[in-house]
């Protein structure tokens, strides 16, 4: 796996039960490849600011790849097998992304992981992700693998309820967070992104979130 990841691939830090941070996990060459993959993907399935069921526009721009893609509109949160914007099937998950997610899950203790959906989020300065659960998937025994790219951000975890003191996790480009088991349905989110300039991803933070959706 050395062609995909840094030499520090086995380092992991416990965040909470079932959740692990893999710091500096993706090397510079792979980051460049992923950057190119995102550009290719967005030409087929463009980024868009989806609307919540309550009618609010999300501050984070999103697209998807895989057998299913997560969407939200006035009808609710759900997965679809086709892109509502284009009417076409979502692009396939790039092979290097799938390998990355599978190996990260294994390092975190979740063997034989194969995602069928990858949400690609693009954060501009000021964008955030409010506290939420990932619960539109069919199988909660499967973990979620989250890859951070570009500008640094503050991820936070609250617990099984949306209250109480949160656990802050500062994440940088190339970091990966994997969570499952007890923390699989814990509330979590991302604080508003601060301005900055990443040498590769510019004034944005990107997040690849791998799921087993169907």
N, C-alpha and C. Protein backbone atom coordinates (compact mmCIF):
# COMPACT_ATOMS: atom_id res chain seq x y z
N UNK A 1 0.81 -1.20 0.00
CA UNK A 1 0.00 0.00 0.00
C UNK A 1 0.85 1.26 0.00
N UNK A 2 2.16 1.12 -0.12
CA UNK A 2 3.03 2.28 -0.02
C UNK A 2 2.79 3.30 -1.13
N UNK A 3 2.21 2.85 -2.26
CA UNK A 3 1.96 3.79 -3.33
C UNK A 3 0.77 4.70 -3.04
N UNK A 4 0.02 4.38 -2.00
CA UNK A 4 -1.17 5.17 -1.67
C UNK A 4 -1.02 5.99 -0.40
N UNK A 5 -0.24 5.52 0.54
CA UNK A 5 -0.24 6.12 1.85
C UNK A 5 1.16 6.43 2.32
N UNK A 6 1.25 7.26 3.34
CA UNK A 6 2.54 7.62 3.91
C UNK A 6 3.11 6.44 4.67
N UNK A 7 4.37 6.56 5.10
CA UNK A 7 4.99 5.49 5.84
C UNK A 7 4.44 5.32 7.24
N UNK A 8 3.54 6.22 7.67
CA UNK A 8 3.02 6.21 9.03
C UNK A 8 1.63 5.58 9.09
N UNK A 9 1.40 4.58 8.23
CA UNK A 9 0.03 4.12 8.02
C UNK A 9 -0.59 3.42 9.23
N UNK A 10 0.20 2.92 10.15
CA UNK A 10 -0.39 2.18 11.25
C UNK A 10 -0.66 3.06 12.48
N UNK A 11 -0.26 4.34 12.45
CA UNK A 11 -0.49 5.24 13.59
C UNK A 11 -1.97 5.57 13.68
N UNK A 12 -2.53 5.43 14.88
CA UNK A 12 -3.93 5.80 15.07
C UNK A 12 -4.11 6.30 16.50
N UNK A 13 -5.01 7.27 16.63
CA UNK A 13 -5.28 7.90 17.91
C UNK A 13 -6.76 7.71 18.24
N UNK A 14 -7.03 7.18 19.41
CA UNK A 14 -8.42 6.98 19.83
C UNK A 14 -9.07 8.32 20.15
N UNK A 15 -10.23 8.58 19.56
CA UNK A 15 -11.00 9.81 19.82
C UNK A 15 -12.09 9.54 20.84
N UNK A 16 -12.83 8.46 20.63
CA UNK A 16 -13.89 8.01 21.52
C UNK A 16 -14.15 6.55 21.16
N UNK A 17 -15.00 5.83 21.88
CA UNK A 17 -15.18 4.40 21.59
C UNK A 17 -15.58 4.14 20.14
N UNK A 18 -14.73 3.41 19.42
CA UNK A 18 -15.01 3.06 18.03
C UNK A 18 -14.53 4.06 17.01
N UNK A 19 -14.02 5.22 17.45
CA UNK A 19 -13.58 6.27 16.53
C UNK A 19 -12.07 6.46 16.64
N UNK A 20 -11.42 6.51 15.46
CA UNK A 20 -9.96 6.63 15.41
C UNK A 20 -9.54 7.72 14.43
N UNK A 21 -8.53 8.47 14.83
CA UNK A 21 -7.89 9.45 13.95
C UNK A 21 -6.60 8.85 13.43
N UNK A 22 -6.41 8.89 12.10
CA UNK A 22 -5.18 8.46 11.45
C UNK A 22 -4.51 9.72 10.92
N UNK A 23 -3.60 10.32 11.71
CA UNK A 23 -3.03 11.62 11.32
C UNK A 23 -1.99 11.52 10.22
N UNK A 24 -2.00 12.51 9.33
CA UNK A 24 -1.01 12.59 8.27
C UNK A 24 -0.91 11.32 7.45
N UNK A 25 -2.04 10.72 7.19
CA UNK A 25 -2.06 9.36 6.66
C UNK A 25 -1.81 9.29 5.15
N UNK A 26 -2.15 10.34 4.44
CA UNK A 26 -2.06 10.32 2.98
C UNK A 26 -0.87 11.16 2.53
N UNK A 27 -0.02 10.59 1.70
CA UNK A 27 1.20 11.30 1.30
C UNK A 27 0.92 12.33 0.20
N UNK A 28 1.93 13.15 -0.10
CA UNK A 28 1.77 14.28 -1.02
C UNK A 28 1.41 13.83 -2.43
N UNK A 29 2.02 12.75 -2.87
CA UNK A 29 1.73 12.26 -4.23
C UNK A 29 0.27 11.84 -4.36
N UNK A 30 -0.21 11.12 -3.36
CA UNK A 30 -1.60 10.67 -3.40
C UNK A 30 -2.57 11.84 -3.29
N UNK A 31 -2.21 12.85 -2.50
CA UNK A 31 -3.05 14.04 -2.42
C UNK A 31 -3.20 14.69 -3.80
N UNK A 32 -2.13 14.75 -4.55
CA UNK A 32 -2.19 15.32 -5.91
C UNK A 32 -3.10 14.47 -6.80
N UNK A 33 -3.01 13.16 -6.67
CA UNK A 33 -3.87 12.27 -7.46
C UNK A 33 -5.34 12.45 -7.10
N UNK A 34 -5.61 12.56 -5.82
CA UNK A 34 -6.99 12.76 -5.38
C UNK A 34 -7.52 14.10 -5.87
N UNK A 35 -6.68 15.12 -5.83
CA UNK A 35 -7.08 16.44 -6.33
C UNK A 35 -7.50 16.34 -7.80
N UNK A 36 -6.72 15.64 -8.60
CA UNK A 36 -7.06 15.45 -10.02
C UNK A 36 -8.35 14.66 -10.16
N UNK A 37 -8.53 13.64 -9.32
CA UNK A 37 -9.76 12.84 -9.37
C UNK A 37 -10.99 13.69 -9.07
N UNK A 38 -10.87 14.59 -8.09
CA UNK A 38 -12.01 15.45 -7.74
C UNK A 38 -12.38 16.35 -8.92
N UNK A 39 -11.37 16.89 -9.59
CA UNK A 39 -11.65 17.75 -10.75
C UNK A 39 -12.37 16.97 -11.84
N UNK A 40 -11.93 15.74 -12.08
CA UNK A 40 -12.57 14.89 -13.10
C UNK A 40 -14.00 14.56 -12.69
N UNK A 41 -14.18 14.19 -11.43
CA UNK A 41 -15.50 13.84 -10.93
C UNK A 41 -16.48 15.00 -11.06
N UNK A 42 -16.03 16.20 -10.70
CA UNK A 42 -16.94 17.35 -10.69
C UNK A 42 -17.35 17.79 -12.09
N UNK A 43 -16.60 17.37 -13.11
CA UNK A 43 -17.02 17.66 -14.48
C UNK A 43 -18.22 16.81 -14.87
N UNK A 44 -18.34 15.63 -14.27
CA UNK A 44 -19.46 14.72 -14.58
C UNK A 44 -20.62 14.95 -13.63
N UNK A 45 -20.30 15.10 -12.35
CA UNK A 45 -21.33 15.33 -11.34
C UNK A 45 -20.95 16.61 -10.58
N UNK A 46 -21.41 17.76 -11.04
CA UNK A 46 -20.96 19.05 -10.49
C UNK A 46 -21.29 19.23 -9.00
N UNK A 47 -20.47 20.02 -8.34
CA UNK A 47 -20.78 20.42 -6.97
C UNK A 47 -22.02 21.29 -6.98
N UNK A 48 -22.82 21.16 -5.94
CA UNK A 48 -24.01 21.99 -5.80
C UNK A 48 -24.34 22.18 -4.32
N UNK A 49 -25.04 23.27 -4.00
CA UNK A 49 -25.48 23.52 -2.63
C UNK A 49 -26.90 22.98 -2.51
N UNK A 50 -27.02 21.83 -1.88
CA UNK A 50 -28.32 21.18 -1.77
C UNK A 50 -29.20 21.89 -0.75
N UNK A 51 -30.49 21.64 -0.84
CA UNK A 51 -31.46 22.28 0.03
C UNK A 51 -31.95 21.29 1.07
N UNK A 52 -32.04 21.72 2.31
CA UNK A 52 -32.53 20.87 3.38
C UNK A 52 -34.06 20.74 3.28
N UNK A 53 -34.64 19.74 3.95
CA UNK A 53 -36.11 19.62 3.93
C UNK A 53 -36.81 20.88 4.42
N UNK A 54 -36.11 21.66 5.27
CA UNK A 54 -36.70 22.89 5.78
C UNK A 54 -36.57 24.07 4.83
N UNK A 55 -35.91 23.86 3.68
CA UNK A 55 -35.80 24.91 2.69
C UNK A 55 -34.54 25.74 2.75
N UNK A 56 -33.60 25.36 3.60
CA UNK A 56 -32.35 26.11 3.73
C UNK A 56 -31.29 25.55 2.78
N UNK A 57 -30.49 26.43 2.22
CA UNK A 57 -29.39 26.00 1.35
C UNK A 57 -28.18 25.64 2.21
N UNK A 58 -27.60 24.49 1.99
CA UNK A 58 -26.44 24.06 2.77
C UNK A 58 -25.23 24.93 2.43
N UNK A 59 -24.45 25.28 3.43
CA UNK A 59 -23.26 26.10 3.19
C UNK A 59 -22.15 25.30 2.51
N UNK A 60 -22.21 23.99 2.65
CA UNK A 60 -21.22 23.10 2.04
C UNK A 60 -21.72 22.67 0.67
N UNK A 61 -20.87 22.79 -0.35
CA UNK A 61 -21.20 22.29 -1.68
C UNK A 61 -20.88 20.79 -1.73
N UNK A 62 -21.72 20.02 -2.44
CA UNK A 62 -21.58 18.57 -2.41
C UNK A 62 -21.72 17.95 -3.78
N UNK A 63 -21.11 16.77 -3.93
CA UNK A 63 -21.38 15.85 -5.03
C UNK A 63 -21.12 14.45 -4.51
N UNK A 64 -21.27 13.44 -5.35
CA UNK A 64 -21.15 12.05 -4.92
C UNK A 64 -20.50 11.19 -5.99
N UNK A 65 -20.01 10.04 -5.56
CA UNK A 65 -19.65 8.98 -6.49
C UNK A 65 -19.95 7.64 -5.83
N UNK A 66 -20.12 6.62 -6.66
CA UNK A 66 -20.45 5.30 -6.15
C UNK A 66 -21.78 4.81 -6.67
N UNK A 67 -22.22 3.67 -6.16
CA UNK A 67 -23.50 3.09 -6.58
C UNK A 67 -24.68 3.93 -6.12
N UNK A 68 -24.47 4.71 -5.06
CA UNK A 68 -25.52 5.57 -4.53
C UNK A 68 -24.91 6.89 -4.11
N UNK A 69 -25.71 7.93 -4.14
CA UNK A 69 -25.26 9.25 -3.70
C UNK A 69 -26.26 9.84 -2.73
N UNK A 70 -25.74 10.54 -1.71
CA UNK A 70 -26.61 11.14 -0.70
C UNK A 70 -27.12 12.48 -1.22
N UNK A 71 -28.42 12.71 -1.08
CA UNK A 71 -29.02 13.98 -1.52
C UNK A 71 -30.01 14.47 -0.48
N UNK A 72 -30.29 15.75 -0.54
CA UNK A 72 -31.32 16.33 0.31
C UNK A 72 -32.07 17.40 -0.49
N UNK A 73 -33.36 17.45 -0.28
CA UNK A 73 -34.21 18.49 -0.86
C UNK A 73 -35.48 18.55 -0.03
N UNK A 74 -36.52 19.18 -0.55
CA UNK A 74 -37.77 19.31 0.21
C UNK A 74 -38.38 17.96 0.56
N UNK A 75 -37.98 16.90 -0.19
CA UNK A 75 -38.53 15.57 0.05
C UNK A 75 -37.83 14.83 1.18
N UNK A 76 -36.67 15.34 1.63
CA UNK A 76 -35.98 14.71 2.74
C UNK A 76 -34.58 14.25 2.38
N UNK A 77 -33.93 13.64 3.37
CA UNK A 77 -32.58 13.10 3.20
C UNK A 77 -32.67 11.66 2.71
N UNK A 78 -31.82 11.30 1.73
CA UNK A 78 -31.90 9.95 1.19
C UNK A 78 -30.72 9.69 0.25
N UNK A 79 -30.61 8.43 -0.15
CA UNK A 79 -29.65 8.04 -1.19
C UNK A 79 -30.40 7.79 -2.49
N UNK A 80 -29.76 8.17 -3.60
CA UNK A 80 -30.33 7.89 -4.92
C UNK A 80 -29.26 7.22 -5.78
N UNK A 81 -29.69 6.41 -6.73
CA UNK A 81 -28.73 5.74 -7.62
C UNK A 81 -28.39 6.60 -8.83
N UNK A 82 -29.13 7.68 -9.03
CA UNK A 82 -28.86 8.61 -10.14
C UNK A 82 -28.74 10.03 -9.59
N UNK A 83 -27.94 10.83 -10.26
CA UNK A 83 -27.76 12.23 -9.90
C UNK A 83 -28.99 13.02 -10.31
N UNK A 84 -29.74 13.61 -9.37
CA UNK A 84 -30.94 14.37 -9.74
C UNK A 84 -30.64 15.55 -10.66
N UNK A 85 -29.39 16.06 -10.63
CA UNK A 85 -29.04 17.20 -11.45
C UNK A 85 -28.86 16.84 -12.92
N UNK A 86 -28.32 15.64 -13.18
CA UNK A 86 -28.02 15.23 -14.56
C UNK A 86 -28.90 14.09 -15.05
N UNK A 87 -29.51 13.35 -14.13
CA UNK A 87 -30.31 12.19 -14.51
C UNK A 87 -29.47 10.96 -14.81
N UNK A 88 -28.16 11.07 -14.72
CA UNK A 88 -27.27 9.95 -14.99
C UNK A 88 -26.83 9.29 -13.70
N UNK A 89 -26.32 8.07 -13.81
CA UNK A 89 -25.78 7.38 -12.65
C UNK A 89 -24.60 8.17 -12.10
N UNK A 90 -24.41 8.10 -10.80
CA UNK A 90 -23.25 8.75 -10.20
C UNK A 90 -21.97 8.12 -10.75
N UNK A 91 -20.89 8.87 -10.88
CA UNK A 91 -19.62 8.28 -11.32
C UNK A 91 -19.15 7.21 -10.34
N UNK A 92 -18.35 6.27 -10.84
CA UNK A 92 -17.78 5.24 -9.98
C UNK A 92 -16.82 5.85 -8.98
N UNK A 93 -16.67 5.21 -7.83
CA UNK A 93 -15.64 5.60 -6.87
C UNK A 93 -14.28 5.23 -7.48
N UNK A 94 -13.35 6.18 -7.60
CA UNK A 94 -12.03 5.84 -8.13
C UNK A 94 -11.39 4.70 -7.35
N UNK A 95 -10.70 3.82 -8.06
CA UNK A 95 -10.11 2.64 -7.43
C UNK A 95 -9.16 3.01 -6.30
N UNK A 96 -8.38 4.07 -6.48
CA UNK A 96 -7.43 4.46 -5.42
C UNK A 96 -8.18 4.93 -4.17
N UNK A 97 -9.34 5.56 -4.35
CA UNK A 97 -10.14 5.98 -3.20
C UNK A 97 -10.67 4.77 -2.45
N UNK A 98 -11.16 3.80 -3.20
CA UNK A 98 -11.72 2.60 -2.58
C UNK A 98 -10.66 1.86 -1.78
N UNK A 99 -9.46 1.76 -2.34
CA UNK A 99 -8.36 1.09 -1.64
C UNK A 99 -8.01 1.83 -0.36
N UNK A 100 -7.99 3.15 -0.45
CA UNK A 100 -7.67 3.98 0.71
C UNK A 100 -8.69 3.74 1.83
N UNK A 101 -9.97 3.78 1.48
CA UNK A 101 -11.02 3.61 2.49
C UNK A 101 -10.98 2.22 3.11
N UNK A 102 -10.77 1.20 2.30
CA UNK A 102 -10.72 -0.16 2.80
C UNK A 102 -9.56 -0.35 3.76
N UNK A 103 -8.39 0.19 3.41
CA UNK A 103 -7.22 0.01 4.26
C UNK A 103 -7.34 0.83 5.53
N UNK A 104 -7.88 2.05 5.43
CA UNK A 104 -8.06 2.86 6.63
C UNK A 104 -9.01 2.17 7.61
N UNK A 105 -10.08 1.62 7.11
CA UNK A 105 -11.03 0.90 7.97
C UNK A 105 -10.34 -0.28 8.65
N UNK A 106 -9.50 -0.99 7.91
CA UNK A 106 -8.79 -2.13 8.48
C UNK A 106 -7.86 -1.70 9.60
N UNK A 107 -7.10 -0.62 9.38
CA UNK A 107 -6.20 -0.11 10.41
C UNK A 107 -6.97 0.27 11.67
N UNK A 108 -8.19 0.78 11.50
CA UNK A 108 -9.02 1.18 12.63
C UNK A 108 -9.75 0.01 13.28
N UNK A 109 -9.58 -1.20 12.71
CA UNK A 109 -10.18 -2.38 13.32
C UNK A 109 -11.43 -2.88 12.65
N UNK A 110 -11.74 -2.36 11.46
CA UNK A 110 -12.93 -2.78 10.74
C UNK A 110 -12.51 -3.47 9.44
N UNK A 111 -12.49 -4.78 9.47
CA UNK A 111 -11.97 -5.56 8.33
C UNK A 111 -13.02 -5.71 7.23
N UNK A 112 -12.50 -5.96 6.02
CA UNK A 112 -13.35 -6.29 4.86
C UNK A 112 -14.34 -5.19 4.50
N UNK A 113 -13.94 -3.96 4.68
CA UNK A 113 -14.83 -2.83 4.39
C UNK A 113 -14.78 -2.48 2.90
N UNK A 114 -15.94 -2.41 2.28
CA UNK A 114 -16.04 -1.98 0.88
C UNK A 114 -17.21 -1.01 0.77
N UNK A 115 -16.92 0.26 0.56
CA UNK A 115 -17.97 1.26 0.49
C UNK A 115 -18.67 1.22 -0.87
N UNK A 116 -19.92 1.62 -0.88
CA UNK A 116 -20.65 1.74 -2.16
C UNK A 116 -21.08 3.19 -2.42
N UNK A 117 -20.71 4.10 -1.51
CA UNK A 117 -21.06 5.51 -1.68
C UNK A 117 -19.95 6.37 -1.09
N UNK A 118 -19.65 7.46 -1.78
CA UNK A 118 -18.69 8.43 -1.27
C UNK A 118 -19.24 9.83 -1.47
N UNK A 119 -19.50 10.53 -0.37
CA UNK A 119 -19.93 11.93 -0.43
C UNK A 119 -18.70 12.80 -0.52
N UNK A 120 -18.69 13.75 -1.43
CA UNK A 120 -17.57 14.67 -1.60
C UNK A 120 -18.07 16.06 -1.23
N UNK A 121 -17.57 16.59 -0.12
CA UNK A 121 -18.00 17.89 0.37
C UNK A 121 -16.92 18.93 0.11
N UNK A 122 -17.33 20.12 -0.28
CA UNK A 122 -16.39 21.23 -0.50
C UNK A 122 -16.78 22.39 0.41
N UNK A 123 -15.85 22.73 1.31
CA UNK A 123 -16.06 23.81 2.28
C UNK A 123 -15.31 25.05 1.82
N UNK A 124 -15.99 26.16 1.69
CA UNK A 124 -15.36 27.47 1.54
C UNK A 124 -15.27 28.10 2.93
N UNK A 125 -14.42 29.11 3.12
CA UNK A 125 -14.35 29.77 4.43
C UNK A 125 -15.74 30.19 4.93
N UNK A 126 -16.03 29.87 6.17
CA UNK A 126 -17.32 30.17 6.75
C UNK A 126 -18.30 29.00 6.70
N UNK A 127 -18.07 28.05 5.81
CA UNK A 127 -18.96 26.90 5.70
C UNK A 127 -18.76 25.96 6.89
N UNK A 128 -19.81 25.28 7.27
CA UNK A 128 -19.76 24.37 8.41
C UNK A 128 -20.74 23.22 8.19
N UNK A 129 -20.65 22.24 9.07
CA UNK A 129 -21.60 21.13 9.05
C UNK A 129 -22.14 20.99 10.46
N UNK A 130 -23.43 21.26 10.62
CA UNK A 130 -24.03 21.23 11.94
C UNK A 130 -24.05 19.83 12.53
N UNK A 131 -24.27 19.75 13.81
CA UNK A 131 -24.30 18.47 14.51
C UNK A 131 -25.39 17.57 13.92
N UNK A 132 -25.01 16.34 13.58
CA UNK A 132 -25.94 15.42 12.92
C UNK A 132 -25.49 13.98 13.13
N UNK A 133 -26.38 13.05 12.84
CA UNK A 133 -26.07 11.63 12.79
C UNK A 133 -26.05 11.19 11.34
N UNK A 134 -25.23 10.19 11.02
CA UNK A 134 -25.27 9.57 9.70
C UNK A 134 -26.15 8.33 9.83
N UNK A 135 -27.42 8.47 9.44
CA UNK A 135 -28.35 7.37 9.69
C UNK A 135 -29.26 7.07 8.49
N UNK A 136 -28.84 7.49 7.29
CA UNK A 136 -29.61 7.14 6.10
C UNK A 136 -29.12 5.86 5.44
N UNK A 137 -28.10 5.23 6.04
CA UNK A 137 -27.56 4.00 5.50
C UNK A 137 -28.36 2.79 5.99
N UNK A 138 -28.22 1.66 5.31
CA UNK A 138 -28.99 0.47 5.64
C UNK A 138 -28.35 -0.35 6.76
N UNK A 139 -27.02 -0.33 6.85
CA UNK A 139 -26.30 -1.23 7.76
C UNK A 139 -25.40 -0.42 8.69
N UNK A 140 -25.83 -0.25 9.94
CA UNK A 140 -25.06 0.54 10.89
C UNK A 140 -23.87 -0.23 11.47
N UNK A 141 -23.73 -1.51 11.13
CA UNK A 141 -22.55 -2.24 11.59
C UNK A 141 -21.31 -1.85 10.78
N UNK A 142 -21.50 -1.18 9.65
CA UNK A 142 -20.39 -0.75 8.80
C UNK A 142 -19.92 0.64 9.22
N UNK A 143 -18.61 0.86 9.30
CA UNK A 143 -18.10 2.17 9.74
C UNK A 143 -18.19 3.22 8.65
N UNK A 144 -17.86 4.44 9.03
CA UNK A 144 -17.72 5.55 8.10
C UNK A 144 -16.25 5.95 8.07
N UNK A 145 -15.75 6.21 6.87
CA UNK A 145 -14.36 6.63 6.69
C UNK A 145 -14.37 8.04 6.11
N UNK A 146 -13.73 8.98 6.81
CA UNK A 146 -13.75 10.39 6.43
C UNK A 146 -12.34 10.88 6.16
N UNK A 147 -12.10 11.37 4.95
CA UNK A 147 -10.78 11.83 4.51
C UNK A 147 -10.80 13.35 4.40
N UNK A 148 -9.86 14.02 5.07
CA UNK A 148 -9.78 15.48 5.07
C UNK A 148 -8.71 15.95 4.10
N UNK A 149 -9.05 16.96 3.27
CA UNK A 149 -8.15 17.48 2.24
C UNK A 149 -8.20 19.00 2.25
N UNK A 150 -7.05 19.64 2.06
CA UNK A 150 -7.03 21.09 1.94
C UNK A 150 -6.92 21.80 3.28
N UNK A 151 -7.68 22.86 3.45
CA UNK A 151 -7.57 23.69 4.65
C UNK A 151 -7.87 22.90 5.92
N UNK A 152 -7.19 23.23 7.02
CA UNK A 152 -7.47 22.56 8.29
C UNK A 152 -8.85 22.94 8.82
N UNK A 153 -9.38 22.06 9.64
CA UNK A 153 -10.72 22.29 10.18
C UNK A 153 -10.81 21.72 11.58
N UNK A 154 -11.87 22.06 12.28
CA UNK A 154 -12.15 21.47 13.59
C UNK A 154 -13.40 20.60 13.49
N UNK A 155 -13.20 19.30 13.58
CA UNK A 155 -14.26 18.31 13.65
C UNK A 155 -14.65 18.18 15.12
N UNK A 156 -15.92 17.88 15.40
CA UNK A 156 -16.31 17.67 16.79
C UNK A 156 -17.28 16.51 16.90
N UNK A 157 -17.23 15.85 18.05
CA UNK A 157 -18.10 14.72 18.35
C UNK A 157 -18.82 15.01 19.65
N UNK A 158 -20.13 14.74 19.68
CA UNK A 158 -20.90 15.01 20.89
C UNK A 158 -21.25 13.75 21.67
N UNK A 159 -21.71 12.73 21.00
CA UNK A 159 -22.14 11.52 21.67
C UNK A 159 -23.47 11.05 21.12
N UNK A 160 -24.14 10.12 21.79
CA UNK A 160 -25.40 9.59 21.27
C UNK A 160 -26.55 10.59 21.28
N UNK A 161 -26.38 11.72 21.98
CA UNK A 161 -27.39 12.77 21.98
C UNK A 161 -26.74 14.10 21.60
N UNK A 162 -27.54 14.99 21.03
CA UNK A 162 -27.04 16.29 20.60
C UNK A 162 -27.06 17.26 21.77
N UNK A 163 -26.23 16.99 22.76
CA UNK A 163 -26.15 17.87 23.92
C UNK A 163 -24.88 17.54 24.68
N UNK A 164 -24.54 18.38 25.58
CA UNK A 164 -23.36 18.16 26.39
C UNK A 164 -22.09 18.65 25.72
N UNK A 165 -20.98 18.52 26.43
CA UNK A 165 -19.70 18.98 25.94
C UNK A 165 -19.21 18.11 24.79
N UNK A 166 -18.71 18.76 23.74
CA UNK A 166 -18.24 18.01 22.57
C UNK A 166 -16.74 17.75 22.68
N UNK A 167 -16.28 16.77 21.91
CA UNK A 167 -14.86 16.44 21.81
C UNK A 167 -14.34 17.09 20.53
N UNK A 168 -13.41 18.06 20.62
CA UNK A 168 -12.87 18.69 19.41
C UNK A 168 -11.73 17.86 18.83
N UNK A 169 -11.66 17.79 17.51
CA UNK A 169 -10.57 17.09 16.82
C UNK A 169 -10.09 18.00 15.70
N UNK A 170 -8.89 18.53 15.82
CA UNK A 170 -8.33 19.37 14.77
C UNK A 170 -7.74 18.48 13.68
N UNK A 171 -8.18 18.71 12.45
CA UNK A 171 -7.78 17.84 11.34
C UNK A 171 -7.14 18.66 10.23
N UNK A 172 -6.13 18.06 9.61
CA UNK A 172 -5.37 18.70 8.54
C UNK A 172 -5.46 17.86 7.27
N UNK A 173 -4.95 18.41 6.19
CA UNK A 173 -4.99 17.71 4.91
C UNK A 173 -4.20 16.41 5.01
N UNK A 174 -4.83 15.32 4.60
CA UNK A 174 -4.20 14.01 4.66
C UNK A 174 -4.59 13.19 5.87
N UNK A 175 -5.34 13.79 6.81
CA UNK A 175 -5.83 13.05 7.97
C UNK A 175 -7.06 12.24 7.61
N UNK A 176 -7.25 11.13 8.31
CA UNK A 176 -8.43 10.28 8.10
C UNK A 176 -9.05 9.98 9.46
N UNK A 177 -10.37 10.05 9.54
CA UNK A 177 -11.10 9.63 10.74
C UNK A 177 -12.00 8.46 10.35
N UNK A 178 -11.99 7.42 11.17
CA UNK A 178 -12.84 6.24 10.95
C UNK A 178 -13.67 6.04 12.21
N UNK A 179 -14.99 5.86 12.05
CA UNK A 179 -15.80 5.57 13.22
C UNK A 179 -16.87 4.54 12.91
N UNK A 180 -17.10 3.69 13.94
CA UNK A 180 -18.10 2.62 13.86
C UNK A 180 -18.38 2.12 15.26
N UNK A 181 -19.01 0.97 15.35
CA UNK A 181 -19.30 0.41 16.66
C UNK A 181 -20.14 1.36 17.50
N UNK A 182 -19.69 1.61 18.73
CA UNK A 182 -20.47 2.44 19.66
C UNK A 182 -20.67 3.86 19.14
N UNK A 183 -19.68 4.40 18.42
CA UNK A 183 -19.78 5.80 17.97
C UNK A 183 -20.43 5.95 16.60
N UNK A 184 -20.86 4.86 16.00
CA UNK A 184 -21.37 4.93 14.62
C UNK A 184 -22.52 5.92 14.46
N UNK A 185 -23.39 6.02 15.44
CA UNK A 185 -24.54 6.92 15.35
C UNK A 185 -24.39 8.13 16.28
N UNK A 186 -23.18 8.43 16.69
CA UNK A 186 -22.99 9.61 17.53
C UNK A 186 -23.11 10.88 16.71
N UNK A 187 -23.58 11.94 17.36
CA UNK A 187 -23.69 13.24 16.71
C UNK A 187 -22.29 13.83 16.52
N UNK A 188 -22.10 14.47 15.38
CA UNK A 188 -20.80 15.04 15.05
C UNK A 188 -21.00 16.15 14.03
N UNK A 189 -19.96 16.94 13.78
CA UNK A 189 -20.06 18.01 12.80
C UNK A 189 -18.71 18.68 12.58
N UNK A 190 -18.73 19.81 11.87
CA UNK A 190 -17.51 20.56 11.55
C UNK A 190 -17.77 22.04 11.84
N UNK A 191 -16.89 22.67 12.60
CA UNK A 191 -17.03 24.09 12.91
C UNK A 191 -16.78 24.93 11.66
N UNK A 192 -17.24 26.20 11.65
CA UNK A 192 -17.03 27.05 10.48
C UNK A 192 -15.55 27.10 10.05
N UNK A 193 -15.33 26.93 8.77
CA UNK A 193 -13.98 26.89 8.24
C UNK A 193 -13.35 28.28 8.24
N UNK A 194 -12.09 28.34 8.68
CA UNK A 194 -11.36 29.61 8.67
C UNK A 194 -10.68 29.82 7.32
N UNK A 195 -10.46 31.08 6.99
CA UNK A 195 -9.80 31.38 5.73
C UNK A 195 -8.35 30.91 5.74
N UNK A 196 -7.87 30.61 4.54
CA UNK A 196 -6.49 30.15 4.41
C UNK A 196 -6.19 29.82 2.97
N UNK A 197 -5.01 29.28 2.73
CA UNK A 197 -4.59 28.91 1.38
C UNK A 197 -3.79 27.63 1.46
N UNK A 198 -4.34 26.55 0.95
CA UNK A 198 -3.62 25.29 0.89
C UNK A 198 -2.85 25.24 -0.43
N UNK A 199 -1.61 24.73 -0.44
CA UNK A 199 -0.81 24.75 -1.67
C UNK A 199 -1.41 23.94 -2.80
N UNK A 200 -2.26 22.98 -2.49
CA UNK A 200 -2.86 22.15 -3.54
C UNK A 200 -4.35 22.44 -3.74
N UNK A 201 -5.08 22.54 -2.66
CA UNK A 201 -6.54 22.67 -2.74
C UNK A 201 -7.03 24.11 -2.62
N UNK A 202 -6.08 25.05 -2.52
CA UNK A 202 -6.45 26.46 -2.54
C UNK A 202 -7.21 26.89 -1.30
N UNK A 203 -8.27 27.67 -1.51
CA UNK A 203 -9.02 28.27 -0.40
C UNK A 203 -10.18 27.38 0.05
N UNK A 204 -10.05 26.07 -0.12
CA UNK A 204 -11.13 25.15 0.22
C UNK A 204 -10.65 24.01 1.10
N UNK A 205 -11.59 23.42 1.79
CA UNK A 205 -11.41 22.12 2.41
C UNK A 205 -12.35 21.14 1.70
N UNK A 206 -11.82 19.99 1.34
CA UNK A 206 -12.63 18.92 0.77
C UNK A 206 -12.69 17.77 1.76
N UNK A 207 -13.78 17.07 1.74
CA UNK A 207 -13.96 15.92 2.63
C UNK A 207 -14.57 14.77 1.83
N UNK A 208 -13.89 13.65 1.81
CA UNK A 208 -14.42 12.42 1.21
C UNK A 208 -14.99 11.56 2.33
N UNK A 209 -16.26 11.25 2.26
CA UNK A 209 -16.90 10.46 3.31
C UNK A 209 -17.46 9.18 2.71
N UNK A 210 -16.82 8.06 3.08
CA UNK A 210 -17.18 6.77 2.52
C UNK A 210 -18.20 6.08 3.41
N UNK A 211 -19.23 5.50 2.77
CA UNK A 211 -20.29 4.80 3.51
C UNK A 211 -20.65 3.49 2.81
N UNK A 212 -21.28 2.61 3.54
CA UNK A 212 -22.00 1.49 2.94
C UNK A 212 -23.47 1.86 3.05
N UNK A 213 -24.03 2.29 1.92
CA UNK A 213 -25.35 2.93 1.94
C UNK A 213 -26.49 1.96 1.64
N UNK A 214 -26.26 1.04 0.73
CA UNK A 214 -27.36 0.19 0.25
C UNK A 214 -27.37 -1.19 0.90
